Each structure stands twice: as structure tokens, then as C-alpha cells.
Protein backbone atom coordinates (compact mmCIF):
# COMPACT_ATOMS: atom_id res chain seq x y z
CA MET A 1 29.56 24.90 -4.93
CA LYS A 2 27.84 21.86 -6.36
CA HIS A 3 24.35 20.83 -5.46
CA TYR A 4 23.83 17.14 -5.29
CA ILE A 5 20.48 15.50 -5.79
CA ARG A 6 19.79 12.81 -3.27
CA GLN A 7 18.97 9.55 -4.96
CA ASN A 8 16.40 7.30 -3.42
CA LYS A 9 17.66 3.89 -2.43
CA SER A 10 15.53 0.80 -2.71
CA ILE A 11 14.99 -1.56 0.20
CA GLU A 12 16.93 -4.13 -1.80
CA SER A 13 20.09 -2.03 -2.01
CA ILE A 14 19.85 -1.00 1.64
CA ALA A 15 19.39 -4.60 2.78
CA ILE A 16 22.29 -5.84 0.65
CA GLY A 17 24.58 -3.12 2.02
CA LYS A 18 23.67 -3.83 5.64
CA ILE A 19 24.07 -7.59 5.22
CA GLU A 20 27.47 -7.22 3.53
CA MET A 21 28.66 -4.93 6.33
CA GLY A 22 27.47 -7.49 8.88
CA ILE A 23 29.33 -10.30 7.11
CA ASN A 24 32.50 -8.20 7.01
CA SER A 25 32.25 -7.42 10.73
CA ILE A 26 31.99 -11.14 11.50
CA ARG A 27 35.02 -11.95 9.33
CA LYS A 28 37.11 -9.20 10.91
CA GLY A 29 36.11 -10.32 14.41
CA ILE A 30 34.51 -7.01 15.34
CA ARG A 31 31.15 -8.55 16.27
CA SER A 32 29.93 -12.05 17.02
CA GLY A 33 27.66 -13.96 14.68
CA GLU A 34 24.81 -13.93 17.20
CA ASP A 35 24.84 -10.14 17.53
CA VAL A 36 24.96 -9.62 13.78
CA GLY A 37 22.26 -12.23 13.16
CA ALA A 38 19.85 -10.49 15.52
CA ASP A 39 20.43 -7.15 13.77
CA LEU A 40 20.21 -8.53 10.24
CA ASP A 41 17.06 -10.62 10.68
CA TYR A 42 14.84 -7.80 9.38
CA PHE A 43 17.06 -7.15 6.36
CA PHE A 44 17.23 -10.84 5.45
CA ASN A 45 13.41 -11.02 5.57
CA GLN A 46 13.03 -7.95 3.35
CA LEU A 47 15.59 -9.20 0.85
CA GLU A 48 13.91 -12.60 0.67
CA LYS A 49 10.65 -10.91 -0.36
CA VAL A 50 12.31 -8.77 -3.05
CA ASN A 51 15.15 -10.89 -4.47
CA LYS A 52 15.17 -14.58 -3.49
CA ALA A 53 18.39 -15.45 -5.39
CA MET A 54 20.40 -12.66 -3.75
CA TYR A 55 18.95 -13.63 -0.37
CA GLU A 56 20.15 -17.22 -0.79
CA ASP A 57 23.61 -16.08 -1.90
CA LEU A 58 24.10 -13.64 0.97
CA PHE A 59 22.63 -16.04 3.53
CA MET A 60 25.15 -18.67 2.41
CA LYS A 61 28.01 -16.15 2.78
CA TYR A 62 26.67 -15.15 6.21
CA SER A 63 26.46 -18.79 7.33
CA ILE A 64 29.99 -19.54 6.15
CA ALA A 65 31.40 -16.43 7.87
CA ARG A 66 29.65 -17.40 11.08
CA LEU A 67 30.96 -20.97 10.97
CA GLU A 68 34.51 -19.75 10.29
CA ALA A 69 34.31 -17.34 13.23
CA GLU A 70 33.09 -20.09 15.55
CA LYS A 71 35.86 -22.39 14.31
CA LYS A 72 38.46 -19.71 15.13
CA GLU A 73 37.02 -19.32 18.63
CA ILE A 74 37.17 -23.07 19.24
CA ASN A 75 40.74 -23.28 17.96
CA GLU A 76 41.78 -20.39 20.22
CA ILE A 77 40.22 -22.05 23.25
CA HIS A 78 41.98 -25.36 22.60
CA SER A 79 45.36 -23.82 21.79
């Protein structure tokens, strides 16, 4: 039986993982952009303090995913 040593994760890696999962849930239609945005606010703030470039990149991806989801909803309503 192997014994694994638990590796400590930084706030940066945790925030990036949570934000990427949130973006994927918006794209798949599992959750709405508003729900995800409320949950990810803390992680976006932490990432902005630690890594500004990654924050800007992920925030852009989040914004695009949210706009695409809203566009799908509008197209479904008008169809």
C-alpha cells in the first residue's frame, strides 16, 4: 500500500481551478452566469492580487462564456 504525501496548493492554483470549472459549467449550460459569478467573485479577487495577467485572461474567458450563454437563451426564446 502506497502512502501519498499531500501537497499544499496555493491560492492561485485553487482559484484558477475553481474559475475554470465555473466557466465550463456556464458553457455546458449546467449553471447560469449570474450564479457562477456570485460564487467566483472571491476567487477572482484573490487571483487578481496574486497574478494579474492570469486574472485578466480568465475574466475575459468568463465574460465570453457568459455572453455566449445569454445569446443562446435569447435565440431559444425567439425561435
